[in-house]
């Protein structure tokens, strides 16, 4: 499941939504495009995406680092020597070729991100970031099997948050 915003969420626009920022598999190629511009650490990639979307989308380390590992396994990126303990990644020739094959999709994703950033000023990037964080937390928590008790706690937490927002 990719992050998206419902009616009235960041982006507003027609029907109150901008649709999905990322479809399945898009993050791989978005990270490749960012790495093509310059070698980066995982944290720098997270910050770059947050800035690109005006705070509307901030991928979690639990999404970015496994994706970087996958890209490394595929031979699309490789770590390079860095002065710090963090792994610095750069794109390989195979990664550039894969990125070139998917350039149209990546450009479309960047377009959606730019649109989200432009529209986030209406609600402020902090609200968009908070909504994205909630969406990512839900996505990660609900990926595997969830027992009824856990689901009840999740629903209760969301309901309580909605009431708190209404009273704010």
C-alpha atoms as a PDB file:
ATOM      1  CA  UNK A   1       0.000   0.000   0.000  1.00  0.00           C
ATOM      2  CA  UNK A   2       1.382   3.412  -0.920  1.00  0.00           C
ATOM      3  CA  UNK A   3       0.849   6.577   1.030  1.00  0.00           C
ATOM      4  CA  UNK A   4      -2.093   8.624  -0.154  1.00  0.00           C
ATOM      5  CA  UNK A   5      -4.321  11.295   1.199  1.00  0.00           C
ATOM      6  CA  UNK A   6      -8.077  11.268   1.475  1.00  0.00           C
ATOM      7  CA  UNK A   7     -10.499  14.108   1.050  1.00  0.00           C
ATOM      8  CA  UNK A   8      -9.290  17.275   2.597  1.00  0.00           C
ATOM      9  CA  UNK A   9      -5.796  15.848   3.107  1.00  0.00           C
ATOM     10  CA  UNK A  10      -2.669  17.514   1.847  1.00  0.00           C
ATOM     11  CA  UNK A  11      -3.074  18.542  -1.729  1.00  0.00           C
ATOM     12  CA  UNK A  12      -6.769  19.329  -1.734  1.00  0.00           C
ATOM     13  CA  UNK A  13      -7.364  19.865  -5.424  1.00  0.00           C
ATOM     14  CA  UNK A  14     -10.053  18.191  -7.462  1.00  0.00           C
ATOM     15  CA  UNK A  15     -12.079  15.913  -5.255  1.00  0.00           C
ATOM     16  CA  UNK A  16      -9.970  16.925  -2.266  1.00  0.00           C
ATOM     17  CA  UNK A  17      -7.090  14.592  -3.067  1.00  0.00           C
ATOM     18  CA  UNK A  18      -3.906  14.442  -5.068  1.00  0.00           C
ATOM     19  CA  UNK A  19      -3.925  10.677  -5.364  1.00  0.00           C
ATOM     20  CA  UNK A  20      -0.964   8.509  -4.586  1.00  0.00           C
ATOM     21  CA  UNK A  21       2.469  10.030  -4.352  1.00  0.00           C
ATOM     22  CA  UNK A  22       4.138   6.663  -4.851  1.00  0.00           C
ATOM     23  CA  UNK A  23       2.848   3.563  -6.536  1.00  0.00           C
ATOM     24  CA  UNK A  24       4.269   0.118  -5.804  1.00  0.00           C
ATOM     25  CA  UNK A  25       7.962   0.066  -6.728  1.00  0.00           C
ATOM     26  CA  UNK A  26       8.293   3.824  -7.314  1.00  0.00           C
ATOM     27  CA  UNK A  27      10.499   4.409  -4.287  1.00  0.00           C
ATOM     28  CA  UNK A  28      13.279   2.287  -5.791  1.00  0.00           C
ATOM     29  CA  UNK A  29      13.535   4.488  -8.838  1.00  0.00           C
ATOM     30  CA  UNK A  30      13.007   7.750  -6.950  1.00  0.00           C
ATOM     31  CA  UNK A  31      15.950   6.836  -4.704  1.00  0.00           C
ATOM     32  CA  UNK A  32      18.001   5.959  -7.781  1.00  0.00           C
ATOM     33  CA  UNK A  33      17.201   9.362  -9.303  1.00  0.00           C
ATOM     34  CA  UNK A  34      18.253  11.146  -6.120  1.00  0.00           C
ATOM     35  CA  UNK A  35      21.457   9.111  -5.996  1.00  0.00           C
ATOM     36  CA  UNK A  36      22.110   9.822  -9.661  1.00  0.00           C
ATOM     37  CA  UNK A  37      22.259  13.528  -8.795  1.00  0.00           C
ATOM     38  CA  UNK A  38      24.822  12.856  -6.062  1.00  0.00           C
ATOM     39  CA  UNK A  39      25.903  10.063  -3.710  1.00  0.00           C
ATOM     40  CA  UNK A  40      23.961  10.178  -0.438  1.00  0.00           C
ATOM     41  CA  UNK A  41      23.404   8.444   2.871  1.00  0.00           C
ATOM     42  CA  UNK A  42      19.997   6.953   3.713  1.00  0.00           C
ATOM     43  CA  UNK A  43      19.208   9.816   6.077  1.00  0.00           C
ATOM     44  CA  UNK A  44      20.003  12.353   3.347  1.00  0.00           C
ATOM     45  CA  UNK A  45      17.569  10.563   1.037  1.00  0.00           C
ATOM     46  CA  UNK A  46      14.831  10.735   3.681  1.00  0.00           C
ATOM     47  CA  UNK A  47      15.431  14.462   4.148  1.00  0.00           C
ATOM     48  CA  UNK A  48      15.554  15.074   0.384  1.00  0.00           C
ATOM     49  CA  UNK A  49      12.143  13.444  -0.081  1.00  0.00           C
ATOM     50  CA  UNK A  50      10.682  15.350   2.846  1.00  0.00           C
ATOM     51  CA  UNK A  51      11.974  18.631   1.419  1.00  0.00           C
ATOM     52  CA  UNK A  52      10.826  17.759  -2.106  1.00  0.00           C
ATOM     53  CA  UNK A  53       7.262  17.267  -0.870  1.00  0.00           C
ATOM     54  CA  UNK A  54       7.193  20.263   1.444  1.00  0.00           C
ATOM     55  CA  UNK A  55       6.966  17.931   4.432  1.00  0.00           C
ATOM     56  CA  UNK A  56       3.952  16.030   3.117  1.00  0.00           C
ATOM     57  CA  UNK A  57       5.882  12.770   2.727  1.00  0.00           C
ATOM     58  CA  UNK A  58       8.767  11.556   4.828  1.00  0.00           C
ATOM     59  CA  UNK A  59       9.636   7.912   4.313  1.00  0.00           C
ATOM     60  CA  UNK A  60      10.668   6.058   7.428  1.00  0.00           C
ATOM     61  CA  UNK A  61      14.120   4.529   7.809  1.00  0.00           C
ATOM     62  CA  UNK A  62      12.286   1.185   7.910  1.00  0.00           C
ATOM     63  CA  UNK A  63      11.303   1.757   4.281  1.00  0.00           C
ATOM     64  CA  UNK A  64      14.395   3.517   2.911  1.00  0.00           C
ATOM     65  CA  UNK A  65      17.169   1.291   4.260  1.00  0.00           C
ATOM     66  CA  UNK A  66      15.640  -2.015   3.106  1.00  0.00           C
ATOM     67  CA  UNK A  67      15.030  -0.430  -0.294  1.00  0.00           C
ATOM     68  CA  UNK A  68      18.690   0.615  -0.466  1.00  0.00           C
ATOM     69  CA  UNK A  69      19.685  -2.957   0.441  1.00  0.00           C
ATOM     70  CA  UNK A  70      17.437  -4.270  -2.333  1.00  0.00           C
ATOM     71  CA  UNK A  71      18.969  -1.824  -4.829  1.00  0.00           C
ATOM     72  CA  UNK A  72      22.414  -2.960  -3.725  1.00  0.00           C
ATOM     73  CA  UNK A  73      21.434  -6.632  -4.135  1.00  0.00           C
ATOM     74  CA  UNK A  74      20.137  -5.822  -7.628  1.00  0.00           C
ATOM     75  CA  UNK A  75      23.449  -4.173  -8.496  1.00  0.00           C
ATOM     76  CA  UNK A  76      21.790  -0.768  -9.014  1.00  0.00           C
ATOM     77  CA  UNK A  77      23.705   1.004  -6.224  1.00  0.00           C
ATOM     78  CA  UNK A  78      26.935   0.419  -4.362  1.00  0.00           C
ATOM     79  CA  UNK A  79      28.399   1.824  -1.177  1.00  0.00           C
ATOM     80  CA  UNK A  80      31.368   4.124  -1.608  1.00  0.00           C
ATOM     81  CA  UNK A  81      34.073   5.062   0.836  1.00  0.00           C
ATOM     82  CA  UNK A  82      32.934   7.806   3.153  1.00  0.00           C
ATOM     83  CA  UNK A  83      34.484   9.756   5.988  1.00  0.00           C
ATOM     84  CA  UNK A  84      31.664   8.882   8.386  1.00  0.00           C
ATOM     85  CA  UNK A  85      30.340   5.552   9.638  1.00  0.00           C
ATOM     86  CA  UNK A  86      27.188   5.971   7.521  1.00  0.00           C
ATOM     87  CA  UNK A  87      26.994   4.099   4.232  1.00  0.00           C
ATOM     88  CA  UNK A  88      27.225   6.461   1.281  1.00  0.00           C
ATOM     89  CA  UNK A  89      25.555   5.090  -1.862  1.00  0.00           C
ATOM     90  CA  UNK A  90      26.098   5.852  -5.528  1.00  0.00           C
ATOM     91  CA  UNK A  91      24.333   4.613  -8.662  1.00  0.00           C
ATOM     92  CA  UNK A  92      26.005   1.928 -10.790  1.00  0.00           C
ATOM     93  CA  UNK A  93      25.850   1.727 -14.586  1.00  0.00           C
ATOM     94  CA  UNK A  94      23.145  -0.952 -14.206  1.00  0.00           C
ATOM     95  CA  UNK A  95      21.210   1.400 -11.946  1.00  0.00           C
ATOM     96  CA  UNK A  96      21.460   4.225 -14.503  1.00  0.00           C
ATOM     97  CA  UNK A  97      20.172   1.892 -17.223  1.00  0.00           C
ATOM     98  CA  UNK A  98      17.215   0.808 -15.062  1.00  0.00           C
ATOM     99  CA  UNK A  99      16.523   4.424 -14.154  1.00  0.00           C
ATOM    100  CA  UNK A 100      16.598   5.466 -17.819  1.00  0.00           C
ATOM    101  CA  UNK A 101      14.011   2.763 -18.605  1.00  0.00           C
ATOM    102  CA  UNK A 102      11.759   4.182 -15.871  1.00  0.00           C
ATOM    103  CA  UNK A 103      12.525   7.892 -16.305  1.00  0.00           C
ATOM    104  CA  UNK A 104       8.972   8.789 -17.370  1.00  0.00           C
ATOM    105  CA  UNK A 105       7.512   7.228 -14.218  1.00  0.00           C
ATOM    106  CA  UNK A 106      10.118   8.895 -12.003  1.00  0.00           C
ATOM    107  CA  UNK A 107       9.418  12.282 -13.604  1.00  0.00           C
ATOM    108  CA  UNK A 108       5.694  11.739 -12.952  1.00  0.00           C
ATOM    109  CA  UNK A 109       6.377  10.917  -9.289  1.00  0.00           C
ATOM    110  CA  UNK A 110       8.536  14.021  -8.922  1.00  0.00           C
ATOM    111  CA  UNK A 111       5.722  16.023 -10.512  1.00  0.00           C
ATOM    112  CA  UNK A 112       3.259  14.687  -7.932  1.00  0.00           C
ATOM    113  CA  UNK A 113       5.727  15.468  -5.170  1.00  0.00           C
ATOM    114  CA  UNK A 114       6.169  19.026  -6.429  1.00  0.00           C
ATOM    115  CA  UNK A 115       2.388  19.418  -6.599  1.00  0.00           C
ATOM    116  CA  UNK A 116       2.034  18.106  -3.043  1.00  0.00           C
ATOM    117  CA  UNK A 117       4.687  20.557  -1.848  1.00  0.00           C
ATOM    118  CA  UNK A 118       2.950  23.480  -3.542  1.00  0.00           C
ATOM    119  CA  UNK A 119      -0.409  22.547  -2.074  1.00  0.00           C
ATOM    120  CA  UNK A 120       0.899  21.720   1.392  1.00  0.00           C
ATOM    121  CA  UNK A 121       1.373  25.405   2.094  1.00  0.00           C
ATOM    122  CA  UNK A 122      -2.401  25.633   2.555  1.00  0.00           C
ATOM    123  CA  UNK A 123      -2.306  23.335   5.601  1.00  0.00           C
ATOM    124  CA  UNK A 124       1.330  23.730   6.438  1.00  0.00           C
ATOM    125  CA  UNK A 125       4.004  21.108   6.047  1.00  0.00           C
ATOM    126  CA  UNK A 126       3.706  20.026   9.658  1.00  0.00           C
ATOM    127  CA  UNK A 127       0.145  18.770   9.165  1.00  0.00           C
ATOM    128  CA  UNK A 128       1.119  16.965   5.975  1.00  0.00           C
ATOM    129  CA  UNK A 129       4.118  15.371   7.651  1.00  0.00           C
ATOM    130  CA  UNK A 130       2.000  14.251  10.602  1.00  0.00           C
ATOM    131  CA  UNK A 131      -0.602  12.735   8.278  1.00  0.00           C
ATOM    132  CA  UNK A 132       2.106  10.994   6.260  1.00  0.00           C
ATOM    133  CA  UNK A 133       3.645   9.636   9.462  1.00  0.00           C
ATOM    134  CA  UNK A 134       0.275   8.239  10.536  1.00  0.00           C
ATOM    135  CA  UNK A 135      -0.236   6.685   7.109  1.00  0.00           C
ATOM    136  CA  UNK A 136       3.204   5.078   7.136  1.00  0.00           C
ATOM    137  CA  UNK A 137       2.724   3.783  10.692  1.00  0.00           C
ATOM    138  CA  UNK A 138      -0.607   2.239   9.711  1.00  0.00           C
ATOM    139  CA  UNK A 139       0.833   0.767   6.544  1.00  0.00           C
ATOM    140  CA  UNK A 140       3.736  -0.843   8.359  1.00  0.00           C
ATOM    141  CA  UNK A 141       1.622  -2.090  11.272  1.00  0.00           C
ATOM    142  CA  UNK A 142      -1.095  -3.575   9.072  1.00  0.00           C
ATOM    143  CA  UNK A 143       1.223  -5.291   6.557  1.00  0.00           C
ATOM    144  CA  UNK A 144       1.229  -8.568   8.429  1.00  0.00           C
ATOM    145  CA  UNK A 145      -1.405 -10.481  10.331  1.00  0.00           C
ATOM    146  CA  UNK A 146      -3.122  -8.405  13.016  1.00  0.00           C
ATOM    147  CA  UNK A 147      -5.204  -9.945  15.759  1.00  0.00           C
ATOM    148  CA  UNK A 148      -8.588  -8.485  16.724  1.00  0.00           C
ATOM    149  CA  UNK A 149      -7.308  -6.977  19.979  1.00  0.00           C
ATOM    150  CA  UNK A 150      -4.501  -5.116  18.220  1.00  0.00           C
ATOM    151  CA  UNK A 151      -6.863  -3.901  15.515  1.00  0.00           C
ATOM    152  CA  UNK A 152      -9.258  -2.627  18.203  1.00  0.00           C
ATOM    153  CA  UNK A 153      -6.387  -0.661  19.831  1.00  0.00           C
ATOM    154  CA  UNK A 154      -5.397   0.850  16.474  1.00  0.00           C
ATOM    155  CA  UNK A 155      -8.976   1.884  15.671  1.00  0.00           C
ATOM    156  CA  UNK A 156      -9.421   3.326  19.160  1.00  0.00           C
ATOM    157  CA  UNK A 157      -6.200   5.371  18.825  1.00  0.00           C
ATOM    158  CA  UNK A 158      -7.326   6.785  15.476  1.00  0.00           C
ATOM    159  CA  UNK A 159     -10.779   7.614  16.841  1.00  0.00           C
ATOM    160  CA  UNK A 160      -9.226   9.330  19.880  1.00  0.00           C
ATOM    161  CA  UNK A 161      -6.934  11.351  17.611  1.00  0.00           C
ATOM    162  CA  UNK A 162      -9.916  12.449  15.516  1.00  0.00           C
ATOM    163  CA  UNK A 163     -11.772  13.632  18.621  1.00  0.00           C
ATOM    164  CA  UNK A 164      -8.671  15.503  19.837  1.00  0.00           C
ATOM    165  CA  UNK A 165      -8.331  17.252  16.456  1.00  0.00           C
ATOM    166  CA  UNK A 166     -12.004  18.236  16.465  1.00  0.00           C
ATOM    167  CA  UNK A 167     -11.578  19.790  19.929  1.00  0.00           C
ATOM    168  CA  UNK A 168      -8.339  21.619  19.041  1.00  0.00           C
END
